[in-house]
Amino acid sequence: MKGNIEERACRVAAYIIENRATVRAAAKKFGISKSSVHKDLSERLQQYNRTLYLRVRDVMEANKAERHLRGGLATRRKWQHVKERL
């Protein structure tokens, strides 16, 4: 999916909005790096499609606000697995 960067940015943004996905999940889905996804959405998309940029920015800000919660849950799951093995 390295072709048209404008099209890629729009497709990634649509995926994130529809699925409320994280940058990491979108990068995995489209086979590109997190840096590319972030650059596409935060810089390039703003120039190509302002309304789509504003919608995806809201999702990304919500994900950023919830990030500490997901990290805590991941740590909790990790330690539950360790306890089960003991």
PDB file of N, CA and C in Angstrom:
ATOM      1  N   MET A   1       0.832  -1.193   0.000  1.00  0.00           N
ATOM      2  CA  MET A   1       0.000   0.000   0.000  1.00  0.00           C
ATOM      3  C   MET A   1       0.869   1.247   0.000  1.00  0.00           C
ATOM      4  N   LYS A   2       1.903   1.234  -0.752  1.00  0.00           N
ATOM      5  CA  LYS A   2       2.822   2.349  -0.759  1.00  0.00           C
ATOM      6  C   LYS A   2       2.491   3.368  -1.849  1.00  0.00           C
ATOM      7  N   GLY A   3       1.523   3.110  -2.676  1.00  0.00           N
ATOM      8  CA  GLY A   3       1.182   3.954  -3.820  1.00  0.00           C
ATOM      9  C   GLY A   3       0.885   5.393  -3.469  1.00  0.00           C
ATOM     10  N   ASN A   4      -0.300   5.803  -3.713  1.00  0.00           N
ATOM     11  CA  ASN A   4      -0.732   7.176  -3.523  1.00  0.00           C
ATOM     12  C   ASN A   4      -0.870   7.491  -2.032  1.00  0.00           C
ATOM     13  N   ILE A   5      -0.053   8.405  -1.558  1.00  0.00           N
ATOM     14  CA  ILE A   5      -0.026   8.720  -0.125  1.00  0.00           C
ATOM     15  C   ILE A   5      -1.330   9.378   0.314  1.00  0.00           C
ATOM     16  N   GLU A   6      -1.899  10.223  -0.535  1.00  0.00           N
ATOM     17  CA  GLU A   6      -3.167  10.887  -0.200  1.00  0.00           C
ATOM     18  C   GLU A   6      -4.272   9.849   0.002  1.00  0.00           C
ATOM     19  N   GLU A   7      -4.347   8.897  -0.892  1.00  0.00           N
ATOM     20  CA  GLU A   7      -5.364   7.844  -0.794  1.00  0.00           C
ATOM     21  C   GLU A   7      -5.130   6.988   0.449  1.00  0.00           C
ATOM     22  N   ARG A   8      -3.856   6.653   0.698  1.00  0.00           N
ATOM     23  CA  ARG A   8      -3.522   5.856   1.876  1.00  0.00           C
ATOM     24  C   ARG A   8      -3.937   6.581   3.153  1.00  0.00           C
ATOM     25  N   ALA A   9      -3.659   7.866   3.233  1.00  0.00           N
ATOM     26  CA  ALA A   9      -4.005   8.638   4.423  1.00  0.00           C
ATOM     27  C   ALA A   9      -5.519   8.632   4.644  1.00  0.00           C
ATOM     28  N   CYS A  10      -6.285   8.775   3.582  1.00  0.00           N
ATOM     29  CA  CYS A  10      -7.746   8.769   3.693  1.00  0.00           C
ATOM     30  C   CYS A  10      -8.267   7.399   4.119  1.00  0.00           C
ATOM     31  N   ARG A  11      -7.692   6.337   3.560  1.00  0.00           N
ATOM     32  CA  ARG A  11      -8.127   4.977   3.913  1.00  0.00           C
ATOM     33  C   ARG A  11      -7.787   4.646   5.365  1.00  0.00           C
ATOM     34  N   VAL A  12      -6.596   5.037   5.805  1.00  0.00           N
ATOM     35  CA  VAL A  12      -6.197   4.784   7.190  1.00  0.00           C
ATOM     36  C   VAL A  12      -7.094   5.578   8.134  1.00  0.00           C
ATOM     37  N   ALA A  13      -7.365   6.814   7.795  1.00  0.00           N
ATOM     38  CA  ALA A  13      -8.229   7.648   8.631  1.00  0.00           C
ATOM     39  C   ALA A  13      -9.629   7.051   8.728  1.00  0.00           C
ATOM     40  N   ALA A  14     -10.166   6.606   7.616  1.00  0.00           N
ATOM     41  CA  ALA A  14     -11.499   5.994   7.623  1.00  0.00           C
ATOM     42  C   ALA A  14     -11.508   4.747   8.500  1.00  0.00           C
ATOM     43  N   TYR A  15     -10.455   3.943   8.417  1.00  0.00           N
ATOM     44  CA  TYR A  15     -10.356   2.728   9.242  1.00  0.00           C
ATOM     45  C   TYR A  15     -10.338   3.083  10.733  1.00  0.00           C
ATOM     46  N   ILE A  16      -9.556   4.088  11.094  1.00  0.00           N
ATOM     47  CA  ILE A  16      -9.459   4.483  12.499  1.00  0.00           C
ATOM     48  C   ILE A  16     -10.791   5.017  13.004  1.00  0.00           C
ATOM     49  N   ILE A  17     -11.466   5.800  12.193  1.00  0.00           N
ATOM     50  CA  ILE A  17     -12.754   6.362  12.609  1.00  0.00           C
ATOM     51  C   ILE A  17     -13.802   5.269  12.759  1.00  0.00           C
ATOM     52  N   GLU A  18     -13.897   4.375  11.788  1.00  0.00           N
ATOM     53  CA  GLU A  18     -14.911   3.320  11.823  1.00  0.00           C
ATOM     54  C   GLU A  18     -14.706   2.345  12.978  1.00  0.00           C
ATOM     55  N   ASN A  19     -13.448   2.017  13.258  1.00  0.00           N
ATOM     56  CA  ASN A  19     -13.149   1.005  14.270  1.00  0.00           C
ATOM     57  C   ASN A  19     -12.656   1.577  15.593  1.00  0.00           C
ATOM     58  N   ARG A  20     -12.553   2.899  15.665  1.00  0.00           N
ATOM     59  CA  ARG A  20     -11.982   3.556  16.844  1.00  0.00           C
ATOM     60  C   ARG A  20     -10.641   2.907  17.194  1.00  0.00           C
ATOM     61  N   ALA A  21      -9.872   2.621  16.161  1.00  0.00           N
ATOM     62  CA  ALA A  21      -8.606   1.902  16.293  1.00  0.00           C
ATOM     63  C   ALA A  21      -7.478   2.838  16.724  1.00  0.00           C
ATOM     64  N   THR A  22      -6.442   2.242  17.260  1.00  0.00           N
ATOM     65  CA  THR A  22      -5.249   2.986  17.628  1.00  0.00           C
ATOM     66  C   THR A  22      -4.331   3.109  16.416  1.00  0.00           C
ATOM     67  N   VAL A  23      -3.342   3.978  16.531  1.00  0.00           N
ATOM     68  CA  VAL A  23      -2.355   4.144  15.469  1.00  0.00           C
ATOM     69  C   VAL A  23      -1.622   2.821  15.251  1.00  0.00           C
ATOM     70  N   ARG A  24      -1.296   2.141  16.335  1.00  0.00           N
ATOM     71  CA  ARG A  24      -0.582   0.872  16.252  1.00  0.00           C
ATOM     72  C   ARG A  24      -1.413  -0.182  15.518  1.00  0.00           C
ATOM     73  N   ALA A  25      -2.704  -0.254  15.820  1.00  0.00           N
ATOM     74  CA  ALA A  25      -3.580  -1.218  15.157  1.00  0.00           C
ATOM     75  C   ALA A  25      -3.723  -0.895  13.671  1.00  0.00           C
ATOM     76  N   ALA A  26      -3.822   0.369  13.340  1.00  0.00           N
ATOM     77  CA  ALA A  26      -3.941   0.769  11.931  1.00  0.00           C
ATOM     78  C   ALA A  26      -2.655   0.457  11.175  1.00  0.00           C
ATOM     79  N   ALA A  27      -1.527   0.680  11.808  1.00  0.00           N
ATOM     80  CA  ALA A  27      -0.246   0.383  11.165  1.00  0.00           C
ATOM     81  C   ALA A  27      -0.139  -1.101  10.848  1.00  0.00           C
ATOM     82  N   LYS A  28      -0.556  -1.917  11.785  1.00  0.00           N
ATOM     83  CA  LYS A  28      -0.514  -3.365  11.577  1.00  0.00           C
ATOM     84  C   LYS A  28      -1.458  -3.778  10.452  1.00  0.00           C
ATOM     85  N   LYS A  29      -2.658  -3.216  10.440  1.00  0.00           N
ATOM     86  CA  LYS A  29      -3.667  -3.548   9.430  1.00  0.00           C
ATOM     87  C   LYS A  29      -3.196  -3.201   8.017  1.00  0.00           C
ATOM     88  N   PHE A  30      -2.545  -2.048   7.860  1.00  0.00           N
ATOM     89  CA  PHE A  30      -2.151  -1.571   6.537  1.00  0.00           C
ATOM     90  C   PHE A  30      -0.703  -1.910   6.182  1.00  0.00           C
ATOM     91  N   GLY A  31       0.016  -2.534   7.094  1.00  0.00           N
ATOM     92  CA  GLY A  31       1.380  -2.958   6.808  1.00  0.00           C
ATOM     93  C   GLY A  31       2.373  -1.825   6.666  1.00  0.00           C
ATOM     94  N   ILE A  32       2.169  -0.764   7.431  1.00  0.00           N
ATOM     95  CA  ILE A  32       3.094   0.370   7.418  1.00  0.00           C
ATOM     96  C   ILE A  32       3.512   0.663   8.857  1.00  0.00           C
ATOM     97  N   SER A  33       4.479   1.535   9.026  1.00  0.00           N
ATOM     98  CA  SER A  33       4.973   1.830  10.366  1.00  0.00           C
ATOM     99  C   SER A  33       4.040   2.787  11.107  1.00  0.00           C
ATOM    100  N   LYS A  34       4.163   2.782  12.434  1.00  0.00           N
ATOM    101  CA  LYS A  34       3.383   3.713  13.249  1.00  0.00           C
ATOM    102  C   LYS A  34       3.733   5.150  12.893  1.00  0.00           C
ATOM    103  N   SER A  35       4.998   5.377  12.599  1.00  0.00           N
ATOM    104  CA  SER A  35       5.437   6.724  12.231  1.00  0.00           C
ATOM    105  C   SER A  35       4.755   7.195  10.956  1.00  0.00           C
ATOM    106  N   SER A  36       4.628   6.293   9.985  1.00  0.00           N
ATOM    107  CA  SER A  36       3.962   6.647   8.724  1.00  0.00           C
ATOM    108  C   SER A  36       2.493   6.959   8.953  1.00  0.00           C
ATOM    109  N   VAL A  37       1.832   6.150   9.761  1.00  0.00           N
ATOM    110  CA  VAL A  37       0.417   6.390  10.064  1.00  0.00           C
ATOM    111  C   VAL A  37       0.266   7.745  10.733  1.00  0.00           C
ATOM    112  N   HIS A  38       1.094   7.998  11.727  1.00  0.00           N
ATOM    113  CA  HIS A  38       0.983   9.254  12.467  1.00  0.00           C
ATOM    114  C   HIS A  38       1.253  10.448  11.563  1.00  0.00           C
ATOM    115  N   LYS A  39       2.266  10.353  10.728  1.00  0.00           N
ATOM    116  CA  LYS A  39       2.579  11.455   9.806  1.00  0.00           C
ATOM    117  C   LYS A  39       1.455  11.653   8.794  1.00  0.00           C
ATOM    118  N   ASP A  40       0.923  10.544   8.261  1.00  0.00           N
ATOM    119  CA  ASP A  40      -0.191  10.637   7.319  1.00  0.00           C
ATOM    120  C   ASP A  40      -1.374  11.365   7.943  1.00  0.00           C
ATOM    121  N   LEU A  41      -1.688  11.017   9.177  1.00  0.00           N
ATOM    122  CA  LEU A  41      -2.889  11.554   9.802  1.00  0.00           C
ATOM    123  C   LEU A  41      -2.700  12.941  10.389  1.00  0.00           C
ATOM    124  N   SER A  42      -1.557  13.207  10.965  1.00  0.00           N
ATOM    125  CA  SER A  42      -1.382  14.492  11.638  1.00  0.00           C
ATOM    126  C   SER A  42      -0.883  15.600  10.722  1.00  0.00           C
ATOM    127  N   GLU A  43      -0.195  15.256   9.641  1.00  0.00           N
ATOM    128  CA  GLU A  43       0.347  16.289   8.764  1.00  0.00           C
ATOM    129  C   GLU A  43      -0.279  16.268   7.362  1.00  0.00           C
ATOM    130  N   ARG A  44      -0.204  15.131   6.701  1.00  0.00           N
ATOM    131  CA  ARG A  44      -0.637  15.066   5.311  1.00  0.00           C
ATOM    132  C   ARG A  44      -2.146  15.192   5.155  1.00  0.00           C
ATOM    133  N   LEU A  45      -2.899  14.503   5.985  1.00  0.00           N
ATOM    134  CA  LEU A  45      -4.355  14.505   5.848  1.00  0.00           C
ATOM    135  C   LEU A  45      -4.929  15.898   6.043  1.00  0.00           C
ATOM    136  N   GLN A  46      -4.302  16.674   6.890  1.00  0.00           N
ATOM    137  CA  GLN A  46      -4.773  18.033   7.153  1.00  0.00           C
ATOM    138  C   GLN A  46      -4.782  18.870   5.867  1.00  0.00           C
ATOM    139  N   GLN A  47      -3.837  18.619   4.985  1.00  0.00           N
ATOM    140  CA  GLN A  47      -3.762  19.355   3.726  1.00  0.00           C
ATOM    141  C   GLN A  47      -4.761  18.844   2.689  1.00  0.00           C
ATOM    142  N   TYR A  48      -5.013  17.521   2.706  1.00  0.00           N
ATOM    143  CA  TYR A  48      -5.850  16.902   1.677  1.00  0.00           C
ATOM    144  C   TYR A  48      -7.337  16.954   1.986  1.00  0.00           C
ATOM    145  N   ASN A  49      -7.696  16.630   3.221  1.00  0.00           N
ATOM    146  CA  ASN A  49      -9.105  16.481   3.581  1.00  0.00           C
ATOM    147  C   ASN A  49      -9.306  16.974   5.012  1.00  0.00           C
ATOM    148  N   ARG A  50      -9.599  18.223   5.166  1.00  0.00           N
ATOM    149  CA  ARG A  50      -9.682  18.866   6.483  1.00  0.00           C
ATOM    150  C   ARG A  50     -10.777  18.249   7.360  1.00  0.00           C
ATOM    151  N   THR A  51     -11.930  17.953   6.804  1.00  0.00           N
ATOM    152  CA  THR A  51     -13.029  17.408   7.617  1.00  0.00           C
ATOM    153  C   THR A  51     -12.695  16.017   8.138  1.00  0.00           C
ATOM    154  N   LEU A  52     -12.085  15.197   7.303  1.00  0.00           N
ATOM    155  CA  LEU A  52     -11.673  13.861   7.732  1.00  0.00           C
ATOM    156  C   LEU A  52     -10.582  13.966   8.798  1.00  0.00           C
ATOM    157  N   TYR A  53      -9.680  14.917   8.618  1.00  0.00           N
ATOM    158  CA  TYR A  53      -8.621  15.156   9.595  1.00  0.00           C
ATOM    159  C   TYR A  53      -9.210  15.497  10.968  1.00  0.00           C
ATOM    160  N   LEU A  54     -10.205  16.360  10.995  1.00  0.00           N
ATOM    161  CA  LEU A  54     -10.808  16.764  12.273  1.00  0.00           C
ATOM    162  C   LEU A  54     -11.492  15.583  12.967  1.00  0.00           C
ATOM    163  N   ARG A  55     -12.134  14.712  12.186  1.00  0.00           N
ATOM    164  CA  ARG A  55     -12.794  13.534  12.766  1.00  0.00           C
ATOM    165  C   ARG A  55     -11.784  12.547  13.318  1.00  0.00           C
ATOM    166  N   VAL A  56     -10.717  12.287  12.572  1.00  0.00           N
ATOM    167  CA  VAL A  56      -9.718  11.316  13.027  1.00  0.00           C
ATOM    168  C   VAL A  56      -8.912  11.885  14.192  1.00  0.00           C
ATOM    169  N   ARG A  57      -8.738  13.175  14.223  1.00  0.00           N
ATOM    170  CA  ARG A  57      -8.014  13.805  15.334  1.00  0.00           C
ATOM    171  C   ARG A  57      -8.752  13.583  16.650  1.00  0.00           C
ATOM    172  N   ASP A  58     -10.083  13.659  16.613  1.00  0.00           N
ATOM    173  CA  ASP A  58     -10.871  13.409  17.824  1.00  0.00           C
ATOM    174  C   ASP A  58     -10.674  11.984  18.337  1.00  0.00           C
ATOM    175  N   VAL A  59     -10.648  11.012  17.432  1.00  0.00           N
ATOM    176  CA  VAL A  59     -10.435   9.613  17.825  1.00  0.00           C
ATOM    177  C   VAL A  59      -9.035   9.443  18.392  1.00  0.00           C
ATOM    178  N   MET A  60      -8.046  10.048  17.741  1.00  0.00           N
ATOM    179  CA  MET A  60      -6.667   9.920  18.213  1.00  0.00           C
ATOM    180  C   MET A  60      -6.483  10.565  19.581  1.00  0.00           C
ATOM    181  N   GLU A  61      -7.148  11.681  19.824  1.00  0.00           N
ATOM    182  CA  GLU A  61      -7.052  12.327  21.135  1.00  0.00           C
ATOM    183  C   GLU A  61      -7.716  11.477  22.210  1.00  0.00           C
ATOM    184  N   ALA A  62      -8.844  10.848  21.876  1.00  0.00           N
ATOM    185  CA  ALA A  62      -9.502   9.953  22.831  1.00  0.00           C
ATOM    186  C   ALA A  62      -8.607   8.761  23.141  1.00  0.00           C
ATOM    187  N   ASN A  63      -7.968   8.199  22.112  1.00  0.00           N
ATOM    188  CA  ASN A  63      -7.053   7.082  22.325  1.00  0.00           C
ATOM    189  C   ASN A  63      -5.882   7.491  23.211  1.00  0.00           C
ATOM    190  N   LYS A  64      -5.394   8.700  23.002  1.00  0.00           N
ATOM    191  CA  LYS A  64      -4.273   9.185  23.802  1.00  0.00           C
ATOM    192  C   LYS A  64      -4.695   9.348  25.266  1.00  0.00           C
ATOM    193  N   ALA A  65      -5.911   9.822  25.480  1.00  0.00           N
ATOM    194  CA  ALA A  65      -6.405   9.999  26.845  1.00  0.00           C
ATOM    195  C   ALA A  65      -6.624   8.664  27.551  1.00  0.00           C
ATOM    196  N   GLU A  66      -6.931   7.609  26.789  1.00  0.00           N
ATOM    197  CA  GLU A  66      -7.201   6.292  27.368  1.00  0.00           C
ATOM    198  C   GLU A  66      -5.956   5.406  27.415  1.00  0.00           C
ATOM    199  N   ARG A  67      -4.877   5.871  26.871  1.00  0.00           N
ATOM    200  CA  ARG A  67      -3.663   5.071  26.736  1.00  0.00           C
ATOM    201  C   ARG A  67      -3.170   4.518  28.068  1.00  0.00           C
ATOM    202  N   HIS A  68      -3.202   5.306  29.108  1.00  0.00           N
ATOM    203  CA  HIS A  68      -2.718   4.832  30.408  1.00  0.00           C
ATOM    204  C   HIS A  68      -3.594   3.712  30.961  1.00  0.00           C
ATOM    205  N   LEU A  69      -4.870   3.715  30.612  1.00  0.00           N
ATOM    206  CA  LEU A  69      -5.762   2.651  31.065  1.00  0.00           C
ATOM    207  C   LEU A  69      -5.452   1.333  30.365  1.00  0.00           C
ATOM    208  N   ARG A  70      -5.224   1.400  29.051  1.00  0.00           N
ATOM    209  CA  ARG A  70      -4.877   0.182  28.305  1.00  0.00           C
ATOM    210  C   ARG A  70      -3.561  -0.391  28.787  1.00  0.00           C
ATOM    211  N   GLY A  71      -2.606   0.462  29.101  1.00  0.00           N
ATOM    212  CA  GLY A  71      -1.319  -0.004  29.608  1.00  0.00           C
ATOM    213  C   GLY A  71      -1.470  -0.697  30.952  1.00  0.00           C
ATOM    214  N   GLY A  72      -2.317  -0.149  31.807  1.00  0.00           N
ATOM    215  CA  GLY A  72      -2.555  -0.773  33.111  1.00  0.00           C
ATOM    216  C   GLY A  72      -3.227  -2.125  32.975  1.00  0.00           C
ATOM    217  N   LEU A  73      -4.167  -2.236  32.053  1.00  0.00           N
ATOM    218  CA  LEU A  73      -4.841  -3.518  31.837  1.00  0.00           C
ATOM    219  C   LEU A  73      -3.874  -4.567  31.287  1.00  0.00           C
ATOM    220  N   ALA A  74      -2.981  -4.143  30.411  1.00  0.00           N
ATOM    221  CA  ALA A  74      -1.994  -5.073  29.850  1.00  0.00           C
ATOM    222  C   ALA A  74      -1.071  -5.588  30.952  1.00  0.00           C
ATOM    223  N   THR A  75      -0.675  -4.713  31.846  1.00  0.00           N
ATOM    224  CA  THR A  75       0.182  -5.127  32.960  1.00  0.00           C
ATOM    225  C   THR A  75      -0.564  -6.079  33.874  1.00  0.00           C
ATOM    226  N   ARG A  76      -1.816  -5.798  34.112  1.00  0.00           N
ATOM    227  CA  ARG A  76      -2.626  -6.673  34.960  1.00  0.00           C
ATOM    228  C   ARG A  76      -2.738  -8.079  34.368  1.00  0.00           C
ATOM    229  N   ARG A  77      -3.017  -8.145  33.057  1.00  0.00           N
ATOM    230  CA  ARG A  77      -3.101  -9.448  32.385  1.00  0.00           C
ATOM    231  C   ARG A  77      -1.773 -10.190  32.462  1.00  0.00           C
ATOM    232  N   LYS A  78      -0.697  -9.469  32.292  1.00  0.00           N
ATOM    233  CA  LYS A  78       0.635 -10.083  32.341  1.00  0.00           C
ATOM    234  C   LYS A  78       0.864 -10.735  33.699  1.00  0.00           C
ATOM    235  N   TRP A  79       0.562 -10.030  34.771  1.00  0.00           N
ATOM    236  CA  TRP A  79       0.826 -10.564  36.097  1.00  0.00           C
ATOM    237  C   TRP A  79      -0.155 -11.661  36.478  1.00  0.00           C
ATOM    238  N   GLN A  80      -1.357 -11.639  35.932  1.00  0.00           N
ATOM    239  CA  GLN A  80      -2.301 -12.740  36.188  1.00  0.00           C
ATOM    240  C   GLN A  80      -1.779 -14.027  35.563  1.00  0.00           C
ATOM    241  N   HIS A  81      -1.172 -13.927  34.397  1.00  0.00           N
ATOM    242  CA  HIS A  81      -0.605 -15.121  33.760  1.00  0.00           C
ATOM    243  C   HIS A  81       0.584 -15.653  34.556  1.00  0.00           C
ATOM    244  N   VAL A  82       1.373 -14.755  35.104  1.00  0.00           N
ATOM    245  CA  VAL A  82       2.523 -15.171  35.910  1.00  0.00           C
ATOM    246  C   VAL A  82       2.052 -15.887  37.167  1.00  0.00           C
ATOM    247  N   LYS A  83       1.012 -15.390  37.815  1.00  0.00           N
ATOM    248  CA  LYS A  83       0.483 -16.006  39.030  1.00  0.00           C
ATOM    249  C   LYS A  83      -0.094 -17.386  38.739  1.00  0.00           C
ATOM    250  N   GLU A  84      -0.716 -17.544  37.562  1.00  0.00           N
ATOM    251  CA  GLU A  84      -1.326 -18.830  37.202  1.00  0.00           C
ATOM    252  C   GLU A  84      -0.259 -19.919  37.030  1.00  0.00           C
ATOM    253  N   ARG A  85       0.925 -19.533  36.605  1.00  0.00           N
ATOM    254  CA  ARG A  85       1.992 -20.499  36.404  1.00  0.00           C
ATOM    255  C   ARG A  85       2.636 -20.944  37.713  1.00  0.00           C
ATOM    256  N   LEU A  86       2.495 -20.137  38.739  1.00  0.00           N
ATOM    257  CA  LEU A  86       3.136 -20.470  40.030  1.00  0.00           C
ATOM    258  C   LEU A  86       2.390 -21.494  40.796  1.00  0.00           C
TER     259      LEU A  86
END
